[in-house]
Amino acid sequence: MSKPDFQPTLIGPTVIIRPVVAEDWPELFAAGSDPLIWKVHPSPDRYTEPAFRKFFDGAVASKMGFVFVDRATNRLIGSSRYHGYDAERREIEIGWTFIVREHWGGPTNREVKRLMLDHAFTFVDTVIFWVGERNWRSQGAMTKIGGVRARRLTSSSKSARTSTSRVAGRWWSEGLVASSFHRTFIVSRGQATLRGTIFL
């Protein structure tokens, strides 16, 4: 079986999703340097250059990262990435997503989630989203696309004090149990309804 394409170019009515490249740094940092984007995010300092640089470099290095391009203006308006592909479980994560505030409350987030979910479901049956414990906006959005919340550790979990913890079948490397800070939402093939506005 051939390896899935983790960095396709996906084209929607108003947005192009394409692979992130190193040259995107100035424009994407400008888009993400708004403190209000990250206000209820688990990394509220991501609007600063050091924190955003770490975020950006991780996206480029992952070979699964994307930027969102507004087709009307050709400007970068956000980013996301796939992560943690598990061929045996037929699942993958979508996360590290942000969109500039001028596109909140409209069709953009719904469109990019639909494009990324539709592509993911060509090679997996389940998509997992990590959402901040206090990020009520994203938690509400997940229920609108058929997300099912999962919080318990699996039987194969490591100790709460080890550097990696397995939560809902995925590895999370943050030094503490991820479920202390995050809620996990699972969207399975056929469940994604994408009603309303999504912000993740």
C-alpha atoms as a PDB file:
ATOM      1  CA  MET A   1       0.000   0.000   0.000  1.00  0.00           C
ATOM      2  CA  SER A   2       1.363   3.423  -0.931  1.00  0.00           C
ATOM      3  CA  LYS A   3       2.013   6.035   1.750  1.00  0.00           C
ATOM      4  CA  PRO A   4      -0.771   8.633   2.080  1.00  0.00           C
ATOM      5  CA  ASP A   5      -0.177  12.141   0.796  1.00  0.00           C
ATOM      6  CA  PHE A   6       0.103  14.178   3.996  1.00  0.00           C
ATOM      7  CA  GLN A   7       0.692  17.527   2.254  1.00  0.00           C
ATOM      8  CA  PRO A   8      -1.629  17.853  -0.715  1.00  0.00           C
ATOM      9  CA  THR A   9      -2.888  21.126  -2.104  1.00  0.00           C
ATOM     10  CA  LEU A  10      -6.620  21.344  -1.411  1.00  0.00           C
ATOM     11  CA  ILE A  11      -8.779  23.892  -3.197  1.00  0.00           C
ATOM     12  CA  GLY A  12     -12.094  25.146  -1.888  1.00  0.00           C
ATOM     13  CA  PRO A  13     -14.464  27.868  -3.044  1.00  0.00           C
ATOM     14  CA  THR A  14     -12.705  30.629  -1.073  1.00  0.00           C
ATOM     15  CA  VAL A  15      -9.552  29.056   0.383  1.00  0.00           C
ATOM     16  CA  ILE A  16      -6.527  27.163  -0.903  1.00  0.00           C
ATOM     17  CA  ILE A  17      -4.784  24.870   1.568  1.00  0.00           C
ATOM     18  CA  ARG A  18      -1.178  24.261   0.526  1.00  0.00           C
ATOM     19  CA  PRO A  19       1.991  22.932   2.178  1.00  0.00           C
ATOM     20  CA  VAL A  20       3.763  25.391   4.466  1.00  0.00           C
ATOM     21  CA  VAL A  21       7.302  26.352   3.401  1.00  0.00           C
ATOM     22  CA  ALA A  22      10.085  28.239   5.173  1.00  0.00           C
ATOM     23  CA  GLU A  23       9.480  31.311   3.018  1.00  0.00           C
ATOM     24  CA  ASP A  24       6.000  31.679   4.552  1.00  0.00           C
ATOM     25  CA  TRP A  25       7.470  32.844   7.877  1.00  0.00           C
ATOM     26  CA  PRO A  26       7.075  36.646   7.589  1.00  0.00           C
ATOM     27  CA  GLU A  27       3.514  36.591   6.314  1.00  0.00           C
ATOM     28  CA  LEU A  28       2.290  33.795   8.583  1.00  0.00           C
ATOM     29  CA  PHE A  29       3.844  35.416  11.658  1.00  0.00           C
ATOM     30  CA  ALA A  30       2.116  38.671  10.728  1.00  0.00           C
ATOM     31  CA  ALA A  31      -1.173  36.761  10.543  1.00  0.00           C
ATOM     32  CA  GLY A  32      -0.617  34.967  13.856  1.00  0.00           C
ATOM     33  CA  SER A  33       0.799  37.856  15.902  1.00  0.00           C
ATOM     34  CA  ASP A  34      -2.634  38.942  17.144  1.00  0.00           C
ATOM     35  CA  PRO A  35      -2.862  38.195  20.914  1.00  0.00           C
ATOM     36  CA  LEU A  36      -6.638  37.773  20.739  1.00  0.00           C
ATOM     37  CA  ILE A  37      -6.285  34.733  18.464  1.00  0.00           C
ATOM     38  CA  TRP A  38      -4.541  32.875  21.278  1.00  0.00           C
ATOM     39  CA  LYS A  39      -6.432  34.285  24.282  1.00  0.00           C
ATOM     40  CA  VAL A  40      -8.156  31.011  25.265  1.00  0.00           C
ATOM     41  CA  HIS A  41      -5.536  28.741  23.691  1.00  0.00           C
ATOM     42  CA  PRO A  42      -3.284  26.476  25.825  1.00  0.00           C
ATOM     43  CA  SER A  43      -0.328  28.484  24.432  1.00  0.00           C
ATOM     44  CA  PRO A  44      -1.551  32.068  24.937  1.00  0.00           C
ATOM     45  CA  ASP A  45       1.892  33.554  24.195  1.00  0.00           C
ATOM     46  CA  ARG A  46       1.992  32.172  20.665  1.00  0.00           C
ATOM     47  CA  TYR A  47       1.547  35.679  19.269  1.00  0.00           C
ATOM     48  CA  THR A  48       5.131  36.450  20.363  1.00  0.00           C
ATOM     49  CA  GLU A  49       7.961  35.869  17.924  1.00  0.00           C
ATOM     50  CA  PRO A  50       9.817  33.172  19.953  1.00  0.00           C
ATOM     51  CA  ALA A  51       6.679  31.126  20.580  1.00  0.00           C
ATOM     52  CA  PHE A  52       5.410  31.506  17.024  1.00  0.00           C
ATOM     53  CA  ARG A  53       8.846  30.612  15.631  1.00  0.00           C
ATOM     54  CA  LYS A  54       8.711  27.311  17.514  1.00  0.00           C
ATOM     55  CA  PHE A  55       5.182  26.712  16.220  1.00  0.00           C
ATOM     56  CA  PHE A  56       6.195  27.589  12.654  1.00  0.00           C
ATOM     57  CA  ASP A  57       9.406  25.545  12.602  1.00  0.00           C
ATOM     58  CA  GLY A  58       7.473  22.561  13.930  1.00  0.00           C
ATOM     59  CA  ALA A  59       4.962  22.882  11.107  1.00  0.00           C
ATOM     60  CA  VAL A  60       7.684  22.978   8.444  1.00  0.00           C
ATOM     61  CA  ALA A  61       9.615  20.085   9.992  1.00  0.00           C
ATOM     62  CA  SER A  62       6.503  17.925  10.345  1.00  0.00           C
ATOM     63  CA  LYS A  63       6.050  17.579   6.578  1.00  0.00           C
ATOM     64  CA  MET A  64       2.326  17.619   7.362  1.00  0.00           C
ATOM     65  CA  GLY A  65       1.797  21.363   7.854  1.00  0.00           C
ATOM     66  CA  PHE A  66      -0.309  23.746   5.788  1.00  0.00           C
ATOM     67  CA  VAL A  67      -1.097  27.392   5.286  1.00  0.00           C
ATOM     68  CA  PHE A  68      -4.505  28.768   4.328  1.00  0.00           C
ATOM     69  CA  VAL A  69      -4.556  31.180   1.394  1.00  0.00           C
ATOM     70  CA  ASP A  70      -7.492  33.518   0.861  1.00  0.00           C
ATOM     71  CA  ARG A  71      -8.288  33.133  -2.838  1.00  0.00           C
ATOM     72  CA  ALA A  72      -9.721  36.646  -3.099  1.00  0.00           C
ATOM     73  CA  THR A  73      -6.600  38.422  -1.774  1.00  0.00           C
ATOM     74  CA  ASN A  74      -3.872  35.751  -2.029  1.00  0.00           C
ATOM     75  CA  ARG A  75      -3.007  36.492   1.629  1.00  0.00           C
ATOM     76  CA  LEU A  76      -2.110  33.872   4.232  1.00  0.00           C
ATOM     77  CA  ILE A  77      -4.930  33.742   6.772  1.00  0.00           C
ATOM     78  CA  GLY A  78      -4.006  30.779   8.969  1.00  0.00           C
ATOM     79  CA  SER A  79      -2.539  27.313   9.187  1.00  0.00           C
ATOM     80  CA  SER A  80      -3.061  23.760  10.393  1.00  0.00           C
ATOM     81  CA  ARG A  81      -1.424  20.362  10.192  1.00  0.00           C
ATOM     82  CA  TYR A  82      -1.933  16.632  10.287  1.00  0.00           C
ATOM     83  CA  HIS A  83      -0.082  14.657  12.945  1.00  0.00           C
ATOM     84  CA  GLY A  84       0.332  11.200  14.434  1.00  0.00           C
ATOM     85  CA  TYR A  85      -0.774   8.990  11.558  1.00  0.00           C
ATOM     86  CA  ASP A  86      -1.444   5.444  12.764  1.00  0.00           C
ATOM     87  CA  ALA A  87      -1.904   3.066   9.840  1.00  0.00           C
ATOM     88  CA  GLU A  88      -2.966   0.153  12.038  1.00  0.00           C
ATOM     89  CA  ARG A  89      -5.652   2.152  13.834  1.00  0.00           C
ATOM     90  CA  ARG A  90      -6.492   4.042  10.624  1.00  0.00           C
ATOM     91  CA  GLU A  91      -6.481   7.378  12.411  1.00  0.00           C
ATOM     92  CA  ILE A  92      -4.745  10.737  12.278  1.00  0.00           C
ATOM     93  CA  GLU A  93      -4.857  14.024  14.180  1.00  0.00           C
ATOM     94  CA  ILE A  94      -5.696  17.513  12.917  1.00  0.00           C
ATOM     95  CA  GLY A  95      -4.423  20.332  15.095  1.00  0.00           C
ATOM     96  CA  TRP A  96      -2.258  23.445  15.513  1.00  0.00           C
ATOM     97  CA  THR A  97      -4.991  25.337  13.658  1.00  0.00           C
ATOM     98  CA  PHE A  98      -5.540  29.077  13.666  1.00  0.00           C
ATOM     99  CA  ILE A  99      -7.362  31.554  11.455  1.00  0.00           C
ATOM    100  CA  VAL A 100      -7.098  35.346  11.514  1.00  0.00           C
ATOM    101  CA  ARG A 101      -9.951  37.034  13.378  1.00  0.00           C
ATOM    102  CA  GLU A 102     -11.389  38.787  10.339  1.00  0.00           C
ATOM    103  CA  HIS A 103     -12.393  35.312   9.110  1.00  0.00           C
ATOM    104  CA  TRP A 104     -14.026  34.205  12.355  1.00  0.00           C
ATOM    105  CA  GLY A 105     -17.767  33.746  12.256  1.00  0.00           C
ATOM    106  CA  GLY A 106     -17.899  33.084   8.525  1.00  0.00           C
ATOM    107  CA  PRO A 107     -17.484  30.102   6.212  1.00  0.00           C
ATOM    108  CA  THR A 108     -13.672  29.913   6.214  1.00  0.00           C
ATOM    109  CA  ASN A 109     -13.129  27.586   9.156  1.00  0.00           C
ATOM    110  CA  ARG A 110     -15.941  25.308   8.064  1.00  0.00           C
ATOM    111  CA  GLU A 111     -14.434  25.168   4.588  1.00  0.00           C
ATOM    112  CA  VAL A 112     -10.891  24.306   5.691  1.00  0.00           C
ATOM    113  CA  LYS A 113     -12.098  21.646   8.115  1.00  0.00           C
ATOM    114  CA  ARG A 114     -14.213  20.062   5.405  1.00  0.00           C
ATOM    115  CA  LEU A 115     -11.286  20.015   2.968  1.00  0.00           C
ATOM    116  CA  MET A 116      -8.900  18.506   5.526  1.00  0.00           C
ATOM    117  CA  LEU A 117     -11.429  15.962   6.812  1.00  0.00           C
ATOM    118  CA  ASP A 118     -12.442  14.881   3.315  1.00  0.00           C
ATOM    119  CA  HIS A 119      -8.804  14.286   2.388  1.00  0.00           C
ATOM    120  CA  ALA A 120      -8.026  12.481   5.650  1.00  0.00           C
ATOM    121  CA  PHE A 121     -10.987  10.148   5.199  1.00  0.00           C
ATOM    122  CA  THR A 122      -9.467   8.854   1.975  1.00  0.00           C
ATOM    123  CA  PHE A 123      -6.938   6.928   4.077  1.00  0.00           C
ATOM    124  CA  VAL A 124      -8.253   6.839   7.694  1.00  0.00           C
ATOM    125  CA  ASP A 125     -11.518   6.125   9.466  1.00  0.00           C
ATOM    126  CA  THR A 126     -10.998   8.402  12.481  1.00  0.00           C
ATOM    127  CA  VAL A 127      -9.694  11.946  12.922  1.00  0.00           C
ATOM    128  CA  ILE A 128      -8.662  13.205  16.360  1.00  0.00           C
ATOM    129  CA  PHE A 129      -8.629  16.860  17.444  1.00  0.00           C
ATOM    130  CA  TRP A 130      -6.874  18.175  20.566  1.00  0.00           C
ATOM    131  CA  VAL A 131      -8.704  21.135  22.097  1.00  0.00           C
ATOM    132  CA  GLY A 132      -7.610  23.235  25.077  1.00  0.00           C
ATOM    133  CA  GLU A 133      -9.443  22.532  28.339  1.00  0.00           C
ATOM    134  CA  ARG A 134     -10.492  26.191  28.615  1.00  0.00           C
ATOM    135  CA  ASN A 135     -10.955  26.767  24.892  1.00  0.00           C
ATOM    136  CA  TRP A 136     -14.758  26.794  25.046  1.00  0.00           C
ATOM    137  CA  ARG A 137     -15.025  28.195  21.531  1.00  0.00           C
ATOM    138  CA  SER A 138     -13.263  25.195  20.001  1.00  0.00           C
ATOM    139  CA  GLN A 139     -15.018  22.675  22.229  1.00  0.00           C
ATOM    140  CA  GLY A 140     -18.401  23.933  21.096  1.00  0.00           C
ATOM    141  CA  ALA A 141     -17.247  23.872  17.492  1.00  0.00           C
ATOM    142  CA  MET A 142     -16.177  20.240  17.722  1.00  0.00           C
ATOM    143  CA  THR A 143     -19.648  19.098  18.718  1.00  0.00           C
ATOM    144  CA  LYS A 144     -20.970  20.800  15.582  1.00  0.00           C
ATOM    145  CA  ILE A 145     -18.916  18.563  13.296  1.00  0.00           C
ATOM    146  CA  GLY A 146     -19.868  15.324  15.015  1.00  0.00           C
ATOM    147  CA  GLY A 147     -16.900  15.235  17.394  1.00  0.00           C
ATOM    148  CA  VAL A 148     -17.174  12.831  20.325  1.00  0.00           C
ATOM    149  CA  ARG A 149     -15.274  13.843  23.453  1.00  0.00           C
ATOM    150  CA  ALA A 150     -12.859  11.278  24.895  1.00  0.00           C
ATOM    151  CA  ARG A 151     -10.981  11.961  28.129  1.00  0.00           C
ATOM    152  CA  ARG A 152      -9.970   8.689  29.764  1.00  0.00           C
ATOM    153  CA  LEU A 153      -6.473   7.242  29.525  1.00  0.00           C
ATOM    154  CA  THR A 154      -6.149   3.887  27.805  1.00  0.00           C
ATOM    155  CA  SER A 155      -4.935   0.791  29.627  1.00  0.00           C
ATOM    156  CA  SER A 156      -1.565   1.180  27.898  1.00  0.00           C
ATOM    157  CA  SER A 157      -1.035   4.640  29.397  1.00  0.00           C
ATOM    158  CA  LYS A 158       2.299   5.450  30.966  1.00  0.00           C
ATOM    159  CA  SER A 159       2.734   7.049  34.362  1.00  0.00           C
ATOM    160  CA  ALA A 160       1.341  10.545  34.825  1.00  0.00           C
ATOM    161  CA  ARG A 161       4.856  11.815  35.444  1.00  0.00           C
ATOM    162  CA  THR A 162       6.611  10.379  32.400  1.00  0.00           C
ATOM    163  CA  SER A 163       7.507  12.587  29.463  1.00  0.00           C
ATOM    164  CA  THR A 164       4.907  11.050  27.193  1.00  0.00           C
ATOM    165  CA  SER A 165       1.355  10.000  27.956  1.00  0.00           C
ATOM    166  CA  ARG A 166      -1.024   8.044  25.786  1.00  0.00           C
ATOM    167  CA  VAL A 167      -4.493   9.620  25.759  1.00  0.00           C
ATOM    168  CA  ALA A 168      -7.394   8.262  23.721  1.00  0.00           C
ATOM    169  CA  GLY A 169      -4.963   6.179  21.731  1.00  0.00           C
ATOM    170  CA  ARG A 170      -2.526   8.983  20.844  1.00  0.00           C
ATOM    171  CA  TRP A 171       0.877  10.017  22.181  1.00  0.00           C
ATOM    172  CA  TRP A 172       1.226  13.518  23.620  1.00  0.00           C
ATOM    173  CA  SER A 173       4.702  14.790  24.541  1.00  0.00           C
ATOM    174  CA  GLU A 174       4.276  17.605  27.058  1.00  0.00           C
ATOM    175  CA  GLY A 175       5.741  16.232  30.276  1.00  0.00           C
ATOM    176  CA  LEU A 176       2.379  15.806  32.036  1.00  0.00           C
ATOM    177  CA  VAL A 177      -0.803  13.938  31.309  1.00  0.00           C
ATOM    178  CA  ALA A 178      -2.400  15.671  28.367  1.00  0.00           C
ATOM    179  CA  SER A 179      -5.941  15.195  29.616  1.00  0.00           C
ATOM    180  CA  SER A 180      -5.145  17.583  32.462  1.00  0.00           C
ATOM    181  CA  PHE A 181      -4.974  20.403  29.944  1.00  0.00           C
ATOM    182  CA  HIS A 182      -6.759  19.193  26.839  1.00  0.00           C
ATOM    183  CA  ARG A 183     -10.009  17.622  25.770  1.00  0.00           C
ATOM    184  CA  THR A 184      -9.879  15.082  22.968  1.00  0.00           C
ATOM    185  CA  PHE A 185     -12.549  15.000  20.279  1.00  0.00           C
ATOM    186  CA  ILE A 186     -12.899  12.175  17.783  1.00  0.00           C
ATOM    187  CA  VAL A 187     -14.604  12.467  14.403  1.00  0.00           C
ATOM    188  CA  SER A 188     -15.248   9.232  12.534  1.00  0.00           C
ATOM    189  CA  ARG A 189     -15.984   8.682   8.874  1.00  0.00           C
ATOM    190  CA  GLY A 190     -19.617   9.587   8.209  1.00  0.00           C
ATOM    191  CA  GLN A 191     -19.976  11.622  11.423  1.00  0.00           C
ATOM    192  CA  ALA A 192     -18.658  14.974  10.188  1.00  0.00           C
ATOM    193  CA  THR A 193     -21.616  17.266   9.672  1.00  0.00           C
ATOM    194  CA  LEU A 194     -19.900  20.662   9.825  1.00  0.00           C
ATOM    195  CA  ARG A 195     -22.911  22.584  11.018  1.00  0.00           C
ATOM    196  CA  GLY A 196     -22.386  26.208  11.964  1.00  0.00           C
ATOM    197  CA  THR A 197     -19.073  27.979  12.501  1.00  0.00           C
ATOM    198  CA  ILE A 198     -15.905  26.172  13.543  1.00  0.00           C
ATOM    199  CA  PHE A 199     -12.934  27.641  15.354  1.00  0.00           C
ATOM    200  CA  LEU A 200     -10.089  25.336  16.360  1.00  0.00           C
END
